[in-house]
Amino acid sequence: MSMDSPQLMTLLDDLGIAHPTVDHPPLRTVEDSRRLRGNLAGGHVKNLFLKDKKGGYWLLAALEHTTVDLRVAAALLGAPRFSFAKAEDLAEILGIIPGAVSPLAVVNDPEGRVAVVLDQRLLELSLLNFHPLRNDRTTTIASTDLLKFLEAVDHPPQMIHLPDRTDESTGTQRNANSVMSSLCG
């Protein structure tokens, strides 16, 4: 049985993680979020639920303004080609609907089917905003508490540096090589 949002809040309390939460109209996209979220402090995160061509599932989180090239992300992770997972997979594995994806949803993946991937820039911010298993609320937690939460639910994240627009002029292959070097060494 999947955990619901109130149960998630209780777990965050039990872990000693502060989690101020605001209610708002349902948000399905980053554009909806920008238009309707108000003045929430902290970084706003885009979350992609992906499936690789061998059937593995990935939850990739990056700052909302990051352009995510799925080919580059797969190369950085040494994963087979990525595509977006189906809504049915999202409901079955994480117990949520499209628009509610966030790293907090891996609480509903006790089997560890989903690999969590965080863009390193998330951890440069002290506060991050996520949907708490539903898309009509936003919960703010410290970036260090996100790591604490992921460890507590047995989903330690993989860290990558996704190229941003300023990195594109240097070429993704050079960037991918430098990131792979830093991940391996």
N, C-alpha and C. Protein backbone atom coordinates (compact mmCIF):
# COMPACT_ATOMS: atom_id res chain seq x y z
N MET A 1 0.84 -1.19 0.00
CA MET A 1 0.00 0.00 0.00
C MET A 1 0.88 1.24 0.00
N SER A 2 0.53 2.21 -0.83
CA SER A 2 1.32 3.43 -0.94
C SER A 2 1.06 4.37 0.22
N MET A 3 2.11 5.09 0.58
CA MET A 3 2.01 6.12 1.59
C MET A 3 1.30 7.33 0.96
N ASP A 4 0.48 8.02 1.74
CA ASP A 4 -0.15 9.24 1.25
C ASP A 4 0.57 10.45 1.82
N SER A 5 0.14 11.63 1.43
CA SER A 5 0.82 12.86 1.83
C SER A 5 0.85 13.07 3.35
N PRO A 6 -0.26 12.87 4.08
CA PRO A 6 -0.17 13.02 5.54
C PRO A 6 0.81 12.04 6.19
N GLN A 7 0.86 10.81 5.68
CA GLN A 7 1.82 9.84 6.20
C GLN A 7 3.25 10.26 5.90
N LEU A 8 3.46 10.85 4.72
CA LEU A 8 4.79 11.38 4.38
C LEU A 8 5.18 12.48 5.35
N MET A 9 4.25 13.37 5.68
CA MET A 9 4.54 14.45 6.62
C MET A 9 4.93 13.89 7.99
N THR A 10 4.26 12.83 8.41
CA THR A 10 4.60 12.18 9.68
C THR A 10 6.01 11.59 9.62
N LEU A 11 6.35 10.97 8.50
CA LEU A 11 7.70 10.42 8.34
C LEU A 11 8.74 11.54 8.40
N LEU A 12 8.48 12.65 7.72
CA LEU A 12 9.41 13.78 7.77
C LEU A 12 9.57 14.28 9.21
N ASP A 13 8.46 14.35 9.94
CA ASP A 13 8.53 14.73 11.36
C ASP A 13 9.41 13.75 12.14
N ASP A 14 9.18 12.46 11.91
CA ASP A 14 9.94 11.43 12.62
C ASP A 14 11.44 11.52 12.31
N LEU A 15 11.78 11.97 11.11
CA LEU A 15 13.18 12.12 10.71
C LEU A 15 13.77 13.46 11.16
N GLY A 16 12.94 14.31 11.77
CA GLY A 16 13.42 15.62 12.21
C GLY A 16 13.62 16.59 11.07
N ILE A 17 12.85 16.42 9.99
CA ILE A 17 12.97 17.27 8.81
C ILE A 17 11.84 18.29 8.80
N ALA A 18 12.21 19.58 8.87
CA ALA A 18 11.22 20.65 8.76
C ALA A 18 10.64 20.63 7.35
N HIS A 19 9.33 20.87 7.25
CA HIS A 19 8.67 20.74 5.95
C HIS A 19 7.48 21.67 5.81
N PRO A 20 7.70 22.98 5.85
CA PRO A 20 6.57 23.87 5.62
C PRO A 20 5.93 23.56 4.26
N THR A 21 4.61 23.53 4.26
CA THR A 21 3.87 23.12 3.07
C THR A 21 2.77 24.13 2.79
N VAL A 22 2.62 24.49 1.51
CA VAL A 22 1.55 25.39 1.11
C VAL A 22 0.61 24.68 0.14
N ASP A 23 -0.67 25.01 0.25
CA ASP A 23 -1.68 24.50 -0.67
C ASP A 23 -1.81 25.47 -1.84
N HIS A 24 -2.13 24.95 -3.02
CA HIS A 24 -2.32 25.76 -4.22
C HIS A 24 -3.13 24.95 -5.21
N PRO A 25 -3.56 25.56 -6.30
CA PRO A 25 -4.25 24.77 -7.33
C PRO A 25 -3.32 23.68 -7.87
N PRO A 26 -3.88 22.59 -8.37
CA PRO A 26 -3.03 21.52 -8.91
C PRO A 26 -2.09 22.03 -10.00
N LEU A 27 -0.85 21.59 -9.94
CA LEU A 27 0.17 21.97 -10.92
C LEU A 27 0.63 20.71 -11.65
N ARG A 28 0.66 20.77 -12.97
CA ARG A 28 1.11 19.61 -13.73
C ARG A 28 2.45 19.85 -14.43
N THR A 29 2.80 21.12 -14.62
CA THR A 29 4.01 21.42 -15.38
C THR A 29 4.82 22.50 -14.68
N VAL A 30 6.06 22.67 -15.10
CA VAL A 30 6.90 23.76 -14.58
C VAL A 30 6.24 25.10 -14.90
N GLU A 31 5.64 25.21 -16.08
CA GLU A 31 4.98 26.47 -16.45
C GLU A 31 3.82 26.79 -15.50
N ASP A 32 3.03 25.76 -15.15
CA ASP A 32 1.96 25.96 -14.17
C ASP A 32 2.55 26.46 -12.85
N SER A 33 3.64 25.85 -12.45
CA SER A 33 4.27 26.20 -11.18
C SER A 33 4.72 27.65 -11.18
N ARG A 34 5.37 28.07 -12.23
CA ARG A 34 5.85 29.45 -12.31
C ARG A 34 4.70 30.44 -12.21
N ARG A 35 3.58 30.09 -12.82
CA ARG A 35 2.44 30.98 -12.87
C ARG A 35 1.66 31.03 -11.55
N LEU A 36 1.61 29.92 -10.82
CA LEU A 36 0.69 29.82 -9.70
C LEU A 36 1.33 29.68 -8.31
N ARG A 37 2.62 29.50 -8.22
CA ARG A 37 3.21 29.14 -6.93
C ARG A 37 3.36 30.29 -5.94
N GLY A 38 3.30 31.51 -6.38
CA GLY A 38 3.51 32.63 -5.47
C GLY A 38 4.99 32.85 -5.22
N ASN A 39 5.32 33.31 -4.03
CA ASN A 39 6.70 33.67 -3.70
C ASN A 39 7.35 32.68 -2.74
N LEU A 40 7.36 31.43 -3.09
CA LEU A 40 8.00 30.43 -2.23
C LEU A 40 9.51 30.57 -2.30
N ALA A 41 10.14 30.62 -1.14
CA ALA A 41 11.60 30.68 -1.09
C ALA A 41 12.18 29.34 -1.48
N GLY A 42 13.38 29.36 -2.02
CA GLY A 42 14.09 28.13 -2.35
C GLY A 42 14.03 27.80 -3.82
N GLY A 43 14.80 26.79 -4.19
CA GLY A 43 14.87 26.36 -5.58
C GLY A 43 13.64 25.54 -5.96
N HIS A 44 13.17 25.79 -7.15
CA HIS A 44 12.04 25.04 -7.69
C HIS A 44 12.60 23.97 -8.61
N VAL A 45 12.07 22.77 -8.45
CA VAL A 45 12.68 21.59 -9.05
C VAL A 45 11.77 20.98 -10.09
N LYS A 46 12.38 20.59 -11.23
CA LYS A 46 11.66 19.77 -12.20
C LYS A 46 12.08 18.34 -11.96
N ASN A 47 11.13 17.43 -12.10
CA ASN A 47 11.35 16.02 -11.81
C ASN A 47 10.86 15.20 -12.98
N LEU A 48 11.72 14.33 -13.47
CA LEU A 48 11.39 13.51 -14.62
C LEU A 48 11.40 12.04 -14.21
N PHE A 49 10.32 11.34 -14.50
CA PHE A 49 10.25 9.91 -14.25
C PHE A 49 10.52 9.22 -15.57
N LEU A 50 11.64 8.51 -15.61
CA LEU A 50 12.16 7.97 -16.86
C LEU A 50 12.26 6.46 -16.82
N LYS A 51 12.27 5.87 -18.00
CA LYS A 51 12.49 4.44 -18.14
C LYS A 51 13.60 4.26 -19.17
N ASP A 52 14.56 3.39 -18.86
CA ASP A 52 15.61 3.15 -19.85
C ASP A 52 15.20 1.99 -20.76
N LYS A 53 15.93 1.82 -21.84
CA LYS A 53 15.50 0.85 -22.85
C LYS A 53 15.62 -0.60 -22.35
N LYS A 54 16.27 -0.82 -21.21
CA LYS A 54 16.33 -2.16 -20.63
C LYS A 54 15.30 -2.37 -19.52
N GLY A 55 14.42 -1.36 -19.31
CA GLY A 55 13.34 -1.51 -18.34
C GLY A 55 13.63 -0.95 -16.96
N GLY A 56 14.78 -0.28 -16.77
CA GLY A 56 15.08 0.35 -15.49
C GLY A 56 14.37 1.68 -15.34
N TYR A 57 14.02 2.04 -14.11
CA TYR A 57 13.32 3.30 -13.85
C TYR A 57 14.25 4.28 -13.13
N TRP A 58 14.09 5.55 -13.47
CA TRP A 58 14.93 6.62 -12.94
C TRP A 58 14.07 7.82 -12.61
N LEU A 59 14.38 8.47 -11.50
CA LEU A 59 13.74 9.74 -11.16
C LEU A 59 14.85 10.78 -11.15
N LEU A 60 14.82 11.67 -12.13
CA LEU A 60 15.86 12.69 -12.29
C LEU A 60 15.32 14.03 -11.84
N ALA A 61 16.02 14.69 -10.93
CA ALA A 61 15.60 15.99 -10.40
C ALA A 61 16.67 17.03 -10.72
N ALA A 62 16.22 18.19 -11.21
CA ALA A 62 17.11 19.31 -11.55
C ALA A 62 16.36 20.61 -11.30
N LEU A 63 17.09 21.69 -11.21
CA LEU A 63 16.43 22.99 -11.07
C LEU A 63 15.54 23.23 -12.28
N GLU A 64 14.43 23.92 -12.06
CA GLU A 64 13.41 24.06 -13.09
C GLU A 64 13.90 24.68 -14.38
N HIS A 65 14.92 25.51 -14.35
CA HIS A 65 15.41 26.17 -15.56
C HIS A 65 16.41 25.32 -16.34
N THR A 66 16.78 24.16 -15.80
CA THR A 66 17.76 23.29 -16.46
C THR A 66 17.14 22.61 -17.67
N THR A 67 17.81 22.70 -18.80
CA THR A 67 17.40 21.96 -19.98
C THR A 67 17.99 20.57 -19.86
N VAL A 68 17.14 19.56 -19.84
CA VAL A 68 17.60 18.19 -19.67
C VAL A 68 17.57 17.48 -21.03
N ASP A 69 18.75 17.12 -21.50
CA ASP A 69 18.89 16.31 -22.71
C ASP A 69 18.96 14.86 -22.25
N LEU A 70 17.94 14.08 -22.58
CA LEU A 70 17.88 12.71 -22.08
C LEU A 70 19.04 11.85 -22.57
N ARG A 71 19.55 12.12 -23.77
CA ARG A 71 20.71 11.36 -24.27
C ARG A 71 21.93 11.66 -23.43
N VAL A 72 22.14 12.93 -23.10
CA VAL A 72 23.29 13.31 -22.29
C VAL A 72 23.16 12.73 -20.88
N ALA A 73 21.97 12.83 -20.30
CA ALA A 73 21.76 12.29 -18.96
C ALA A 73 22.05 10.79 -18.93
N ALA A 74 21.56 10.06 -19.92
CA ALA A 74 21.82 8.62 -19.98
C ALA A 74 23.32 8.35 -20.11
N ALA A 75 24.01 9.13 -20.93
CA ALA A 75 25.46 8.95 -21.10
C ALA A 75 26.20 9.22 -19.80
N LEU A 76 25.80 10.27 -19.09
CA LEU A 76 26.45 10.60 -17.82
C LEU A 76 26.28 9.48 -16.79
N LEU A 77 25.18 8.77 -16.88
CA LEU A 77 24.88 7.71 -15.92
C LEU A 77 25.29 6.32 -16.42
N GLY A 78 25.77 6.25 -17.65
CA GLY A 78 26.11 4.95 -18.21
C GLY A 78 24.88 4.08 -18.37
N ALA A 79 23.75 4.69 -18.65
CA ALA A 79 22.47 3.98 -18.74
C ALA A 79 22.06 3.82 -20.21
N PRO A 80 21.23 2.81 -20.48
CA PRO A 80 20.66 2.71 -21.83
C PRO A 80 19.77 3.92 -22.10
N ARG A 81 19.41 4.13 -23.33
CA ARG A 81 18.61 5.28 -23.77
C ARG A 81 17.38 5.49 -22.88
N PHE A 82 17.13 6.75 -22.51
CA PHE A 82 15.98 7.12 -21.69
C PHE A 82 14.79 7.52 -22.55
N SER A 83 13.60 7.24 -22.03
CA SER A 83 12.36 7.81 -22.53
C SER A 83 11.50 8.09 -21.29
N PHE A 84 10.43 8.82 -21.48
CA PHE A 84 9.55 9.10 -20.35
C PHE A 84 8.73 7.85 -20.04
N ALA A 85 8.65 7.52 -18.76
CA ALA A 85 7.86 6.36 -18.33
C ALA A 85 6.37 6.69 -18.46
N LYS A 86 5.57 5.66 -18.53
CA LYS A 86 4.13 5.81 -18.67
C LYS A 86 3.49 6.18 -17.33
N ALA A 87 2.35 6.86 -17.42
CA ALA A 87 1.59 7.23 -16.22
C ALA A 87 1.21 5.99 -15.41
N GLU A 88 0.94 4.88 -16.10
CA GLU A 88 0.58 3.64 -15.40
C GLU A 88 1.75 3.15 -14.55
N ASP A 89 2.98 3.28 -15.07
CA ASP A 89 4.17 2.89 -14.31
C ASP A 89 4.34 3.79 -13.09
N LEU A 90 4.10 5.07 -13.28
CA LEU A 90 4.22 6.04 -12.20
C LEU A 90 3.24 5.69 -11.07
N ALA A 91 2.02 5.38 -11.44
CA ALA A 91 1.01 5.02 -10.43
C ALA A 91 1.35 3.70 -9.74
N GLU A 92 1.79 2.72 -10.52
CA GLU A 92 2.09 1.40 -9.95
C GLU A 92 3.31 1.44 -9.04
N ILE A 93 4.38 2.11 -9.47
CA ILE A 93 5.65 2.04 -8.75
C ILE A 93 5.74 3.09 -7.64
N LEU A 94 5.28 4.30 -7.90
CA LEU A 94 5.42 5.39 -6.92
C LEU A 94 4.10 5.82 -6.29
N GLY A 95 2.99 5.31 -6.79
CA GLY A 95 1.69 5.62 -6.18
C GLY A 95 1.26 7.06 -6.34
N ILE A 96 1.69 7.71 -7.44
CA ILE A 96 1.34 9.12 -7.66
C ILE A 96 0.86 9.31 -9.10
N ILE A 97 0.35 10.51 -9.37
CA ILE A 97 -0.13 10.86 -10.70
C ILE A 97 0.89 11.77 -11.38
N PRO A 98 0.83 11.88 -12.71
CA PRO A 98 1.69 12.85 -13.39
C PRO A 98 1.46 14.25 -12.81
N GLY A 99 2.54 14.99 -12.67
CA GLY A 99 2.46 16.31 -12.06
C GLY A 99 2.82 16.30 -10.59
N ALA A 100 2.85 15.12 -9.97
CA ALA A 100 3.18 15.01 -8.54
C ALA A 100 4.55 14.37 -8.34
N VAL A 101 5.32 14.21 -9.41
CA VAL A 101 6.62 13.54 -9.32
C VAL A 101 7.59 14.40 -8.51
N SER A 102 8.27 13.75 -7.57
CA SER A 102 9.36 14.37 -6.82
C SER A 102 10.16 13.25 -6.16
N PRO A 103 11.38 13.55 -5.72
CA PRO A 103 12.15 12.52 -5.02
C PRO A 103 11.45 12.00 -3.77
N LEU A 104 10.53 12.77 -3.20
CA LEU A 104 9.80 12.32 -2.02
C LEU A 104 8.95 11.07 -2.33
N ALA A 105 8.60 10.87 -3.59
CA ALA A 105 7.74 9.76 -3.99
C ALA A 105 8.43 8.40 -3.87
N VAL A 106 9.76 8.38 -3.80
CA VAL A 106 10.42 7.07 -3.68
C VAL A 106 10.13 6.40 -2.34
N VAL A 107 9.50 7.11 -1.44
CA VAL A 107 9.04 6.49 -0.20
C VAL A 107 8.10 5.32 -0.52
N ASN A 108 7.46 5.37 -1.68
CA ASN A 108 6.53 4.33 -2.11
C ASN A 108 7.19 3.26 -2.99
N ASP A 109 8.50 3.21 -2.98
CA ASP A 109 9.25 2.23 -3.77
C ASP A 109 10.13 1.38 -2.86
N PRO A 110 9.52 0.58 -1.98
CA PRO A 110 10.33 -0.20 -1.04
C PRO A 110 11.20 -1.26 -1.72
N GLU A 111 10.85 -1.63 -2.95
CA GLU A 111 11.63 -2.63 -3.68
C GLU A 111 12.87 -2.04 -4.33
N GLY A 112 12.99 -0.72 -4.34
CA GLY A 112 14.17 -0.08 -4.92
C GLY A 112 14.24 -0.18 -6.43
N ARG A 113 13.11 -0.13 -7.09
CA ARG A 113 13.07 -0.21 -8.55
C ARG A 113 13.51 1.08 -9.22
N VAL A 114 13.43 2.20 -8.49
CA VAL A 114 13.71 3.51 -9.07
C VAL A 114 15.06 4.03 -8.56
N ALA A 115 15.92 4.40 -9.49
CA ALA A 115 17.19 5.04 -9.15
C ALA A 115 16.96 6.55 -9.13
N VAL A 116 17.39 7.20 -8.06
CA VAL A 116 17.23 8.65 -7.94
C VAL A 116 18.52 9.32 -8.41
N VAL A 117 18.34 10.33 -9.25
CA VAL A 117 19.47 11.09 -9.79
C VAL A 117 19.21 12.56 -9.52
N LEU A 118 20.20 13.22 -8.90
CA LEU A 118 20.09 14.65 -8.61
C LEU A 118 21.16 15.41 -9.39
N ASP A 119 20.75 16.49 -10.02
CA ASP A 119 21.74 17.39 -10.60
C ASP A 119 22.45 18.09 -9.43
N GLN A 120 23.75 18.17 -9.49
CA GLN A 120 24.54 18.72 -8.38
C GLN A 120 24.13 20.13 -7.99
N ARG A 121 23.62 20.90 -8.92
CA ARG A 121 23.24 22.29 -8.61
C ARG A 121 22.13 22.37 -7.57
N LEU A 122 21.34 21.29 -7.41
CA LEU A 122 20.30 21.30 -6.37
C LEU A 122 20.91 21.50 -4.99
N LEU A 123 22.07 20.90 -4.78
CA LEU A 123 22.68 20.95 -3.45
C LEU A 123 23.42 22.26 -3.18
N GLU A 124 23.49 23.13 -4.18
CA GLU A 124 24.08 24.45 -3.99
C GLU A 124 23.09 25.40 -3.31
N LEU A 125 21.82 25.01 -3.26
CA LEU A 125 20.78 25.83 -2.64
C LEU A 125 20.45 25.27 -1.27
N SER A 126 20.11 26.14 -0.35
CA SER A 126 19.79 25.66 1.00
C SER A 126 18.39 25.08 1.08
N LEU A 127 17.44 25.61 0.30
CA LEU A 127 16.05 25.14 0.35
C LEU A 127 15.59 24.70 -1.04
N LEU A 128 14.79 23.63 -1.06
CA LEU A 128 14.25 23.11 -2.31
C LEU A 128 12.75 22.85 -2.13
N ASN A 129 12.00 22.98 -3.21
CA ASN A 129 10.55 22.82 -3.19
C ASN A 129 10.13 21.60 -4.01
N PHE A 130 9.28 20.77 -3.38
CA PHE A 130 8.80 19.54 -4.01
C PHE A 130 7.32 19.35 -3.74
N HIS A 131 6.67 18.57 -4.62
CA HIS A 131 5.31 18.14 -4.34
C HIS A 131 5.37 16.95 -3.38
N PRO A 132 4.56 17.00 -2.32
CA PRO A 132 4.56 15.91 -1.34
C PRO A 132 3.55 14.81 -1.69
N LEU A 133 3.78 14.12 -2.79
CA LEU A 133 2.97 13.02 -3.29
C LEU A 133 1.66 13.47 -3.91
N ARG A 134 1.46 14.75 -4.04
CA ARG A 134 0.28 15.31 -4.69
C ARG A 134 0.66 16.66 -5.28
N ASN A 135 -0.02 17.05 -6.35
CA ASN A 135 0.39 18.25 -7.06
C ASN A 135 -0.40 19.51 -6.68
N ASP A 136 -1.12 19.45 -5.58
CA ASP A 136 -1.83 20.65 -5.12
C ASP A 136 -1.22 21.19 -3.82
N ARG A 137 0.01 20.78 -3.56
CA ARG A 137 0.77 21.27 -2.41
C ARG A 137 2.24 21.33 -2.80
N THR A 138 2.95 22.23 -2.15
CA THR A 138 4.40 22.29 -2.31
C THR A 138 5.03 22.32 -0.93
N THR A 139 6.01 21.46 -0.74
CA THR A 139 6.72 21.33 0.52
C THR A 139 8.15 21.81 0.32
N THR A 140 8.62 22.63 1.24
CA THR A 140 9.98 23.15 1.20
C THR A 140 10.81 22.40 2.24
N ILE A 141 11.94 21.84 1.79
CA ILE A 141 12.86 21.20 2.73
C ILE A 141 14.28 21.63 2.41
N ALA A 142 15.15 21.53 3.39
CA ALA A 142 16.56 21.84 3.19
C ALA A 142 17.17 20.80 2.25
N SER A 143 18.11 21.24 1.42
CA SER A 143 18.76 20.30 0.50
C SER A 143 19.47 19.19 1.26
N THR A 144 20.05 19.51 2.41
CA THR A 144 20.71 18.47 3.22
C THR A 144 19.68 17.48 3.76
N ASP A 145 18.47 17.97 4.05
CA ASP A 145 17.41 17.07 4.52
C ASP A 145 16.88 16.18 3.40
N LEU A 146 16.96 16.65 2.16
CA LEU A 146 16.59 15.79 1.04
C LEU A 146 17.50 14.57 1.02
N LEU A 147 18.80 14.79 1.18
CA LEU A 147 19.75 13.67 1.21
C LEU A 147 19.47 12.75 2.40
N LYS A 148 19.16 13.34 3.54
CA LYS A 148 18.83 12.55 4.74
C LYS A 148 17.60 11.68 4.48
N PHE A 149 16.58 12.26 3.88
CA PHE A 149 15.36 11.53 3.55
C PHE A 149 15.65 10.38 2.60
N LEU A 150 16.38 10.65 1.52
CA LEU A 150 16.66 9.61 0.53
C LEU A 150 17.45 8.45 1.14
N GLU A 151 18.38 8.76 2.01
CA GLU A 151 19.12 7.69 2.71
C GLU A 151 18.17 6.89 3.61
N ALA A 152 17.26 7.58 4.30
CA ALA A 152 16.35 6.91 5.23
C ALA A 152 15.38 5.96 4.52
N VAL A 153 15.05 6.27 3.26
CA VAL A 153 14.13 5.40 2.52
C VAL A 153 14.89 4.50 1.53
N ASP A 154 16.17 4.32 1.79
CA ASP A 154 17.02 3.41 1.01
C ASP A 154 17.06 3.73 -0.49
N HIS A 155 17.16 5.01 -0.80
CA HIS A 155 17.31 5.47 -2.18
C HIS A 155 18.43 6.51 -2.26
N PRO A 156 19.65 6.13 -1.88
CA PRO A 156 20.73 7.12 -1.97
C PRO A 156 20.87 7.60 -3.42
N PRO A 157 20.98 8.91 -3.61
CA PRO A 157 20.97 9.42 -4.98
C PRO A 157 22.33 9.31 -5.67
N GLN A 158 22.25 9.24 -6.98
CA GLN A 158 23.43 9.42 -7.81
C GLN A 158 23.48 10.90 -8.17
N MET A 159 24.67 11.47 -8.15
CA MET A 159 24.82 12.89 -8.45
C MET A 159 25.45 13.04 -9.83
N ILE A 160 24.90 13.94 -10.62
CA ILE A 160 25.50 14.27 -11.92
C ILE A 160 25.50 15.78 -12.09
N HIS A 161 26.27 16.24 -13.03
CA HIS A 161 26.25 17.66 -13.40
C HIS A 161 25.70 17.74 -14.81
N LEU A 162 24.43 18.13 -14.92
CA LEU A 162 23.83 18.29 -16.24
C LEU A 162 24.36 19.56 -16.86
N PRO A 163 24.71 19.50 -18.14
CA PRO A 163 25.18 20.72 -18.79
C PRO A 163 24.06 21.76 -18.81
N ASP A 164 24.41 23.01 -18.57
CA ASP A 164 23.41 24.06 -18.71
C ASP A 164 23.71 24.81 -20.00
N ARG A 165 22.96 25.82 -20.27
CA ARG A 165 23.12 26.53 -21.55
C ARG A 165 24.53 27.07 -21.73
N THR A 166 25.17 27.49 -20.64
CA THR A 166 26.53 28.03 -20.77
C THR A 166 27.53 26.92 -21.03
N ASP A 167 27.21 25.66 -20.65
CA ASP A 167 28.10 24.53 -20.90
C ASP A 167 28.04 24.05 -22.33
N GLU A 168 26.93 24.33 -23.04
CA GLU A 168 26.74 23.77 -24.37
C GLU A 168 27.85 24.18 -25.34
N SER A 169 28.40 25.37 -25.19
CA SER A 169 29.43 25.81 -26.12
C SER A 169 30.71 25.00 -25.95
N THR A 170 30.89 24.35 -24.81
CA THR A 170 32.10 23.55 -24.60
C THR A 170 31.92 22.13 -25.10
N GLY A 171 30.70 21.76 -25.43
CA GLY A 171 30.44 20.42 -25.96
C GLY A 171 30.08 19.43 -24.86
N THR A 172 29.05 18.64 -25.12
CA THR A 172 28.60 17.72 -24.10
C THR A 172 29.57 16.57 -23.88
N GLN A 173 30.31 16.16 -24.90
CA GLN A 173 31.22 15.03 -24.70
C GLN A 173 32.31 15.38 -23.70
N ARG A 174 32.89 16.57 -23.82
CA ARG A 174 33.91 16.97 -22.85
C ARG A 174 33.31 17.04 -21.46
N ASN A 175 32.12 17.61 -21.35
CA ASN A 175 31.46 17.71 -20.06
C ASN A 175 31.14 16.33 -19.50
N ALA A 176 30.64 15.43 -20.34
CA ALA A 176 30.32 14.09 -19.87
C ALA A 176 31.56 13.38 -19.37
N ASN A 177 32.68 13.54 -20.06
CA ASN A 177 33.92 12.91 -19.61
C ASN A 177 34.37 13.46 -18.28
N SER A 178 34.29 14.78 -18.08
CA SER A 178 34.75 15.35 -16.82
C SER A 178 33.83 14.94 -15.68
N VAL A 179 32.53 14.84 -15.94
CA VAL A 179 31.61 14.42 -14.89
C VAL A 179 31.85 12.96 -14.55
N MET A 180 32.05 12.12 -15.55
CA MET A 180 32.30 10.70 -15.28
C MET A 180 33.58 10.53 -14.48
N SER A 181 34.59 11.35 -14.78
CA SER A 181 35.83 11.28 -14.02
C SER A 181 35.59 11.63 -12.55
N SER A 182 34.79 12.68 -12.33
CA SER A 182 34.54 13.08 -10.95
C SER A 182 33.68 12.07 -10.21
N LEU A 183 32.78 11.37 -10.93
CA LEU A 183 31.95 10.36 -10.28
C LEU A 183 32.76 9.12 -9.92
N CYS A 184 33.74 8.80 -10.74
CA CYS A 184 34.51 7.59 -10.53
C CYS A 184 35.72 7.82 -9.63
N GLY A 185 36.12 9.04 -9.43
CA GLY A 185 37.33 9.28 -8.66
C GLY A 185 37.11 10.16 -7.57
